[in-house]
Amino acid sequence: MGKFTQYLGKLEVEVDGQKLELDAKLKDKEKLMKMQESKDSDKKVEVMTEVLLTIMERSYPNEPTEEVEAFVDKNYVEYLQNLMIAFKWAKQSDFDNLKKKEIAKIEN
């Protein structure tokens, strides 16, 4: 066993009440980080979608593509947020606080 064996496991996230084990790779993180440099919002969404689908398809290769795409489409924001938490790029409280601020804007 190597020093970093514990980091070889899959990321565990819950999306739409389903516990998922995601096989995310360093290259997935790199794509998402590089995407932040783009000023083109359409390109950002395209890259995010590509990465989300790639991770899900790699994690569940025997699931029909159409079903994987439907799952990602229906749960896009929750999936992305939970992936960011699993990557340790954000905390749940960050998203909770953002929601509170948005609700306060709407109410005022």
N, C-alpha and C. Protein backbone atom coordinates (compact mmCIF):
# COMPACT_ATOMS: atom_id res chain seq x y z
N MET A 1 0.84 -1.19 0.00
CA MET A 1 0.00 0.00 0.00
C MET A 1 0.87 1.24 0.00
N GLY A 2 0.51 2.16 -0.89
CA GLY A 2 1.25 3.41 -0.96
C GLY A 2 0.72 4.44 0.02
N LYS A 3 1.44 5.51 0.13
CA LYS A 3 1.09 6.58 1.05
C LYS A 3 -0.26 7.22 0.71
N PHE A 4 -0.63 7.24 -0.59
CA PHE A 4 -1.83 7.94 -1.03
C PHE A 4 -2.95 6.99 -1.48
N THR A 5 -2.91 5.75 -1.03
CA THR A 5 -3.90 4.75 -1.42
C THR A 5 -5.33 5.22 -1.13
N GLN A 6 -5.52 5.92 -0.03
CA GLN A 6 -6.86 6.37 0.34
C GLN A 6 -7.50 7.28 -0.70
N TYR A 7 -6.68 7.89 -1.56
CA TYR A 7 -7.20 8.82 -2.55
C TYR A 7 -7.60 8.14 -3.86
N LEU A 8 -7.46 6.84 -3.94
CA LEU A 8 -7.81 6.12 -5.16
C LEU A 8 -9.30 5.82 -5.26
N GLY A 9 -10.03 5.96 -4.19
CA GLY A 9 -11.44 5.63 -4.18
C GLY A 9 -12.28 6.58 -5.00
N LYS A 10 -13.50 6.20 -5.22
CA LYS A 10 -14.43 7.03 -5.97
C LYS A 10 -15.04 8.08 -5.04
N LEU A 11 -15.49 9.16 -5.63
CA LEU A 11 -16.18 10.20 -4.87
C LEU A 11 -17.61 9.77 -4.62
N GLU A 12 -18.07 9.96 -3.42
CA GLU A 12 -19.46 9.63 -3.10
C GLU A 12 -20.27 10.92 -3.01
N VAL A 13 -21.35 10.96 -3.78
CA VAL A 13 -22.26 12.11 -3.75
C VAL A 13 -23.69 11.59 -3.75
N GLU A 14 -24.60 12.43 -3.31
CA GLU A 14 -26.02 12.09 -3.37
C GLU A 14 -26.70 13.11 -4.27
N VAL A 15 -27.42 12.61 -5.25
CA VAL A 15 -28.13 13.46 -6.20
C VAL A 15 -29.53 12.89 -6.38
N ASP A 16 -30.52 13.73 -6.19
CA ASP A 16 -31.93 13.34 -6.34
C ASP A 16 -32.25 12.11 -5.49
N GLY A 17 -31.66 12.07 -4.29
CA GLY A 17 -31.92 10.97 -3.37
C GLY A 17 -31.17 9.69 -3.67
N GLN A 18 -30.33 9.70 -4.70
CA GLN A 18 -29.56 8.51 -5.06
C GLN A 18 -28.11 8.69 -4.65
N LYS A 19 -27.57 7.70 -3.96
CA LYS A 19 -26.15 7.73 -3.62
C LYS A 19 -25.37 7.22 -4.83
N LEU A 20 -24.41 8.03 -5.26
CA LEU A 20 -23.62 7.69 -6.44
C LEU A 20 -22.15 7.61 -6.07
N GLU A 21 -21.44 6.71 -6.74
CA GLU A 21 -19.99 6.62 -6.62
C GLU A 21 -19.42 7.07 -7.95
N LEU A 22 -18.77 8.22 -7.95
CA LEU A 22 -18.29 8.81 -9.20
C LEU A 22 -16.79 8.60 -9.37
N ASP A 23 -16.43 8.20 -10.57
CA ASP A 23 -15.04 7.96 -10.93
C ASP A 23 -14.49 9.21 -11.62
N ALA A 24 -14.28 10.26 -10.83
CA ALA A 24 -13.75 11.51 -11.37
C ALA A 24 -12.23 11.42 -11.44
N LYS A 25 -11.68 12.00 -12.47
CA LYS A 25 -10.23 11.97 -12.69
C LYS A 25 -9.67 13.38 -12.61
N LEU A 26 -8.37 13.48 -12.48
CA LEU A 26 -7.69 14.77 -12.44
C LEU A 26 -7.99 15.58 -13.70
N LYS A 27 -8.04 14.91 -14.86
CA LYS A 27 -8.31 15.64 -16.10
C LYS A 27 -9.70 16.28 -16.10
N ASP A 28 -10.66 15.71 -15.38
CA ASP A 28 -11.99 16.31 -15.27
C ASP A 28 -11.90 17.63 -14.50
N LYS A 29 -11.15 17.60 -13.41
CA LYS A 29 -10.96 18.81 -12.61
C LYS A 29 -10.23 19.88 -13.42
N GLU A 30 -9.22 19.45 -14.17
CA GLU A 30 -8.45 20.39 -14.98
C GLU A 30 -9.35 21.09 -16.00
N LYS A 31 -10.21 20.33 -16.66
CA LYS A 31 -11.13 20.93 -17.64
C LYS A 31 -12.03 21.97 -17.00
N LEU A 32 -12.56 21.63 -15.83
CA LEU A 32 -13.44 22.57 -15.14
C LEU A 32 -12.69 23.82 -14.69
N MET A 33 -11.46 23.65 -14.25
CA MET A 33 -10.68 24.80 -13.82
C MET A 33 -10.29 25.69 -15.00
N LYS A 34 -9.89 25.10 -16.10
CA LYS A 34 -9.53 25.87 -17.29
C LYS A 34 -10.75 26.59 -17.86
N MET A 35 -11.91 25.97 -17.75
CA MET A 35 -13.14 26.54 -18.26
C MET A 35 -13.43 27.89 -17.62
N GLN A 36 -13.00 28.07 -16.37
CA GLN A 36 -13.24 29.31 -15.65
C GLN A 36 -12.59 30.51 -16.33
N GLU A 37 -11.53 30.26 -17.10
CA GLU A 37 -10.81 31.34 -17.78
C GLU A 37 -11.59 31.90 -18.96
N SER A 38 -12.50 31.12 -19.49
CA SER A 38 -13.25 31.53 -20.67
C SER A 38 -14.25 32.64 -20.33
N LYS A 39 -14.37 33.59 -21.23
CA LYS A 39 -15.35 34.67 -21.06
C LYS A 39 -16.66 34.31 -21.75
N ASP A 40 -16.63 33.24 -22.52
CA ASP A 40 -17.80 32.79 -23.29
C ASP A 40 -18.66 31.88 -22.42
N SER A 41 -19.82 32.39 -21.97
CA SER A 41 -20.66 31.61 -21.06
C SER A 41 -21.22 30.36 -21.73
N ASP A 42 -21.48 30.41 -23.03
CA ASP A 42 -21.96 29.22 -23.74
C ASP A 42 -20.89 28.12 -23.73
N LYS A 43 -19.64 28.53 -23.90
CA LYS A 43 -18.53 27.58 -23.87
C LYS A 43 -18.38 26.97 -22.48
N LYS A 44 -18.57 27.78 -21.44
CA LYS A 44 -18.49 27.28 -20.07
C LYS A 44 -19.53 26.20 -19.82
N VAL A 45 -20.75 26.46 -20.23
CA VAL A 45 -21.83 25.48 -20.04
C VAL A 45 -21.53 24.22 -20.83
N GLU A 46 -21.03 24.38 -22.04
CA GLU A 46 -20.69 23.22 -22.88
C GLU A 46 -19.64 22.35 -22.20
N VAL A 47 -18.60 22.96 -21.64
CA VAL A 47 -17.54 22.21 -20.97
C VAL A 47 -18.07 21.55 -19.70
N MET A 48 -18.85 22.28 -18.91
CA MET A 48 -19.42 21.70 -17.69
C MET A 48 -20.28 20.48 -18.02
N THR A 49 -21.11 20.61 -19.03
CA THR A 49 -21.98 19.50 -19.42
C THR A 49 -21.15 18.30 -19.88
N GLU A 50 -20.13 18.57 -20.67
CA GLU A 50 -19.26 17.50 -21.16
C GLU A 50 -18.60 16.76 -20.00
N VAL A 51 -18.10 17.51 -19.02
CA VAL A 51 -17.43 16.89 -17.88
C VAL A 51 -18.42 16.11 -17.02
N LEU A 52 -19.58 16.68 -16.76
CA LEU A 52 -20.59 15.98 -15.96
C LEU A 52 -21.00 14.67 -16.63
N LEU A 53 -21.22 14.70 -17.92
CA LEU A 53 -21.60 13.48 -18.65
C LEU A 53 -20.45 12.46 -18.67
N THR A 54 -19.24 12.94 -18.90
CA THR A 54 -18.08 12.05 -18.95
C THR A 54 -17.89 11.31 -17.63
N ILE A 55 -17.98 12.05 -16.53
CA ILE A 55 -17.83 11.41 -15.21
C ILE A 55 -18.92 10.38 -14.98
N MET A 56 -20.15 10.73 -15.30
CA MET A 56 -21.27 9.80 -15.07
C MET A 56 -21.15 8.57 -15.96
N GLU A 57 -20.79 8.77 -17.22
CA GLU A 57 -20.66 7.63 -18.14
C GLU A 57 -19.49 6.73 -17.74
N ARG A 58 -18.39 7.31 -17.27
CA ARG A 58 -17.25 6.52 -16.81
C ARG A 58 -17.62 5.74 -15.54
N SER A 59 -18.40 6.38 -14.69
CA SER A 59 -18.78 5.76 -13.42
C SER A 59 -19.81 4.65 -13.58
N TYR A 60 -20.67 4.81 -14.57
CA TYR A 60 -21.76 3.84 -14.81
C TYR A 60 -21.79 3.46 -16.29
N PRO A 61 -20.75 2.73 -16.76
CA PRO A 61 -20.61 2.43 -18.20
C PRO A 61 -21.69 1.52 -18.77
N ASN A 62 -22.40 0.80 -17.93
CA ASN A 62 -23.41 -0.12 -18.44
C ASN A 62 -24.80 0.50 -18.54
N GLU A 63 -24.92 1.74 -18.09
CA GLU A 63 -26.22 2.42 -18.17
C GLU A 63 -26.41 3.00 -19.56
N PRO A 64 -27.63 2.96 -20.07
CA PRO A 64 -27.88 3.52 -21.39
C PRO A 64 -27.58 5.02 -21.44
N THR A 65 -26.91 5.46 -22.49
CA THR A 65 -26.51 6.86 -22.66
C THR A 65 -27.70 7.79 -22.53
N GLU A 66 -28.81 7.43 -23.12
CA GLU A 66 -30.00 8.27 -23.07
C GLU A 66 -30.47 8.50 -21.62
N GLU A 67 -30.39 7.46 -20.80
CA GLU A 67 -30.79 7.58 -19.40
C GLU A 67 -29.80 8.43 -18.60
N VAL A 68 -28.51 8.27 -18.88
CA VAL A 68 -27.49 9.06 -18.21
C VAL A 68 -27.69 10.54 -18.56
N GLU A 69 -27.92 10.82 -19.82
CA GLU A 69 -28.14 12.21 -20.26
C GLU A 69 -29.39 12.79 -19.61
N ALA A 70 -30.44 12.00 -19.50
CA ALA A 70 -31.68 12.47 -18.87
C ALA A 70 -31.45 12.76 -17.39
N PHE A 71 -30.69 11.90 -16.72
CA PHE A 71 -30.38 12.11 -15.30
C PHE A 71 -29.60 13.41 -15.11
N VAL A 72 -28.56 13.60 -15.92
CA VAL A 72 -27.75 14.81 -15.81
C VAL A 72 -28.59 16.05 -16.12
N ASP A 73 -29.42 15.97 -17.13
CA ASP A 73 -30.29 17.09 -17.50
C ASP A 73 -31.23 17.46 -16.35
N LYS A 74 -31.87 16.48 -15.77
CA LYS A 74 -32.85 16.73 -14.71
C LYS A 74 -32.19 17.23 -13.42
N ASN A 75 -30.97 16.80 -13.17
CA ASN A 75 -30.30 17.09 -11.89
C ASN A 75 -29.03 17.92 -12.05
N TYR A 76 -28.96 18.70 -13.11
CA TYR A 76 -27.74 19.42 -13.48
C TYR A 76 -27.14 20.21 -12.32
N VAL A 77 -27.91 21.10 -11.74
CA VAL A 77 -27.39 22.00 -10.70
C VAL A 77 -27.01 21.23 -9.44
N GLU A 78 -27.89 20.33 -8.99
CA GLU A 78 -27.60 19.56 -7.78
C GLU A 78 -26.36 18.69 -7.98
N TYR A 79 -26.24 18.07 -9.14
CA TYR A 79 -25.09 17.23 -9.47
C TYR A 79 -23.82 18.07 -9.46
N LEU A 80 -23.84 19.22 -10.12
CA LEU A 80 -22.67 20.08 -10.18
C LEU A 80 -22.28 20.58 -8.79
N GLN A 81 -23.24 21.00 -8.01
CA GLN A 81 -22.95 21.48 -6.65
C GLN A 81 -22.33 20.37 -5.80
N ASN A 82 -22.91 19.19 -5.83
CA ASN A 82 -22.40 18.09 -5.01
C ASN A 82 -21.03 17.62 -5.48
N LEU A 83 -20.78 17.73 -6.78
CA LEU A 83 -19.46 17.40 -7.30
C LEU A 83 -18.43 18.42 -6.80
N MET A 84 -18.81 19.69 -6.79
CA MET A 84 -17.91 20.73 -6.28
C MET A 84 -17.60 20.51 -4.80
N ILE A 85 -18.58 20.07 -4.05
CA ILE A 85 -18.37 19.76 -2.63
C ILE A 85 -17.44 18.55 -2.50
N ALA A 86 -17.67 17.53 -3.30
CA ALA A 86 -16.82 16.33 -3.26
C ALA A 86 -15.37 16.65 -3.65
N PHE A 87 -15.19 17.60 -4.59
CA PHE A 87 -13.85 18.04 -4.99
C PHE A 87 -13.21 18.93 -3.91
N LYS A 88 -13.99 19.31 -2.91
CA LYS A 88 -13.57 20.22 -1.85
C LYS A 88 -13.32 21.63 -2.38
N TRP A 89 -14.08 22.01 -3.40
CA TRP A 89 -14.01 23.37 -3.95
C TRP A 89 -15.04 24.26 -3.29
N ALA A 90 -15.99 23.68 -2.61
CA ALA A 90 -17.06 24.43 -1.94
C ALA A 90 -17.59 23.59 -0.79
N LYS A 91 -18.36 24.27 0.06
CA LYS A 91 -19.05 23.58 1.17
C LYS A 91 -20.55 23.75 0.95
N GLN A 92 -21.32 22.88 1.56
CA GLN A 92 -22.77 22.99 1.45
C GLN A 92 -23.24 24.35 1.95
N SER A 93 -22.58 24.85 2.99
CA SER A 93 -22.97 26.15 3.55
C SER A 93 -22.79 27.28 2.54
N ASP A 94 -21.83 27.15 1.63
CA ASP A 94 -21.65 28.17 0.59
C ASP A 94 -22.90 28.27 -0.28
N PHE A 95 -23.43 27.12 -0.65
CA PHE A 95 -24.63 27.11 -1.50
C PHE A 95 -25.86 27.54 -0.71
N ASP A 96 -25.93 27.14 0.55
CA ASP A 96 -27.05 27.56 1.40
C ASP A 96 -27.07 29.07 1.56
N ASN A 97 -25.90 29.68 1.80
CA ASN A 97 -25.82 31.13 1.95
C ASN A 97 -26.17 31.85 0.65
N LEU A 98 -25.74 31.30 -0.46
CA LEU A 98 -26.06 31.89 -1.76
C LEU A 98 -27.57 31.88 -2.00
N LYS A 99 -28.22 30.76 -1.66
CA LYS A 99 -29.68 30.66 -1.79
C LYS A 99 -30.38 31.71 -0.93
N LYS A 100 -29.92 31.86 0.30
CA LYS A 100 -30.51 32.85 1.21
C LYS A 100 -30.40 34.26 0.64
N LYS A 101 -29.25 34.58 0.07
CA LYS A 101 -29.05 35.91 -0.52
C LYS A 101 -29.97 36.12 -1.71
N GLU A 102 -30.12 35.10 -2.53
CA GLU A 102 -31.00 35.22 -3.71
C GLU A 102 -32.45 35.36 -3.30
N ILE A 103 -32.85 34.63 -2.29
CA ILE A 103 -34.23 34.72 -1.79
C ILE A 103 -34.48 36.12 -1.20
N ALA A 104 -33.50 36.65 -0.48
CA ALA A 104 -33.63 37.98 0.11
C ALA A 104 -33.79 39.04 -0.99
N LYS A 105 -33.05 38.89 -2.09
CA LYS A 105 -33.16 39.82 -3.22
C LYS A 105 -34.58 39.80 -3.80
N ILE A 106 -35.11 38.61 -3.95
CA ILE A 106 -36.45 38.46 -4.53
C ILE A 106 -37.52 39.06 -3.61
N GLU A 107 -37.36 38.84 -2.32
CA GLU A 107 -38.35 39.33 -1.35
C GLU A 107 -38.32 40.84 -1.18
N ASN A 108 -37.20 41.46 -1.50
CA ASN A 108 -37.10 42.93 -1.33
C ASN A 108 -37.49 43.65 -2.54
